[in-house]
Protein backbone atom coordinates (compact mmCIF):
# COMPACT_ATOMS: atom_id res chain seq x y z
CA MET A 1 9.74 2.07 24.97
CA THR A 2 9.03 -0.37 21.76
CA THR A 3 6.61 -3.30 21.88
CA LEU A 4 7.39 -5.90 19.75
CA LYS A 5 4.81 -8.08 17.74
CA THR A 6 4.85 -10.91 15.53
CA ILE A 7 3.07 -10.65 12.31
CA LYS A 8 2.53 -13.16 9.51
CA ILE A 9 3.21 -12.19 5.84
CA SER A 10 3.48 -14.14 2.67
CA GLU A 11 6.60 -15.23 1.10
CA GLU A 12 5.97 -12.76 -1.75
CA ASN A 13 5.67 -9.65 0.56
CA TYR A 14 8.36 -10.74 2.69
CA LYS A 15 10.86 -10.96 -0.06
CA TRP A 16 9.63 -7.57 -1.49
CA LEU A 17 10.19 -5.76 1.67
CA VAL A 18 13.59 -7.38 2.26
CA GLY A 19 14.48 -6.18 -1.18
CA TYR A 20 12.92 -2.68 -0.28
CA ALA A 21 15.07 -2.54 2.76
CA GLY A 22 18.25 -3.48 0.76
CA LYS A 23 17.35 -0.49 -1.74
CA ILE A 24 17.18 1.78 1.41
CA GLN A 25 20.58 0.42 2.83
CA GLU A 26 22.39 0.94 -0.41
CA GLU A 27 21.23 4.68 -0.22
CA LEU A 28 21.94 5.28 3.28
CA LYS A 29 25.12 3.40 3.59
CA GLU A 30 23.84 1.49 6.86
CA PRO A 31 22.06 -1.40 8.05
CA VAL A 32 18.30 -0.97 7.80
CA SER A 33 15.99 -3.19 9.67
CA LEU A 34 12.70 -4.23 8.17
CA ASP A 35 10.69 -2.10 11.02
CA ARG A 36 12.76 0.80 9.64
CA ALA A 37 11.90 0.28 6.15
CA LEU A 38 8.21 0.02 7.08
CA THR A 39 8.45 3.12 8.95
CA LEU A 40 10.08 5.07 6.08
CA LEU A 41 7.53 3.59 3.88
CA ARG A 42 4.58 4.87 5.46
CA PRO A 43 3.21 8.27 4.90
CA LYS A 44 3.86 10.65 7.74
CA LYS A 45 0.33 12.21 7.20
CA ILE A 46 -2.81 11.20 6.02
CA SER A 47 -3.05 14.12 3.71
CA SER A 48 -0.06 12.33 1.92
CA TYR A 49 -2.77 10.12 0.31
CA ALA A 50 -4.55 12.96 -1.03
CA GLY A 51 -4.91 12.93 -5.09
CA ILE A 52 -3.92 9.18 -5.36
CA TRP A 53 -7.45 8.28 -6.10
CA LYS A 54 -7.93 7.62 -9.56
CA GLU A 55 -11.20 9.66 -10.64
CA PHE A 56 -13.62 7.99 -13.08
CA ASP A 57 -16.39 9.67 -15.17
CA ASP A 58 -19.84 8.51 -14.30
CA LYS A 59 -20.17 5.97 -17.44
CA LYS A 60 -16.98 4.43 -16.79
CA LEU A 61 -17.65 4.14 -13.00
CA LYS A 62 -21.00 2.48 -13.67
CA LYS A 63 -19.52 0.01 -16.16
CA VAL A 64 -17.03 -1.15 -13.69
CA LEU A 65 -19.22 -1.28 -10.85
CA LYS A 66 -21.83 -3.42 -13.05
CA ARG A 67 -19.06 -5.90 -14.02
CA GLY A 68 -18.25 -6.29 -10.07
CA TRP A 69 -21.77 -6.65 -8.80
CA LYS A 70 -24.03 -9.56 -9.45
CA TRP A 71 -27.03 -7.42 -8.88
CA GLU A 72 -28.74 -4.49 -10.85
CA ILE A 73 -27.35 -1.31 -10.07
CA PRO A 74 -30.15 1.31 -9.43
CA SER A 75 -30.04 4.29 -11.59
CA PHE A 76 -28.25 7.31 -10.18
């Protein structure tokens, strides 16, 4: 049994999701709900996220962190 929930999203995200659902609909040649579009967008396994983190070298990481933080970064 499916439980329906109401969510609030921005107009920009709504338009993007509708466009995404439209692309899927064109590929599948059948109607696609926003719920199905979200289901297809979501990775099936947590391991799907493996390798998407962009690695930084130490100097670049420290530079980025210093820019974002307002206090002094302790030495590593």
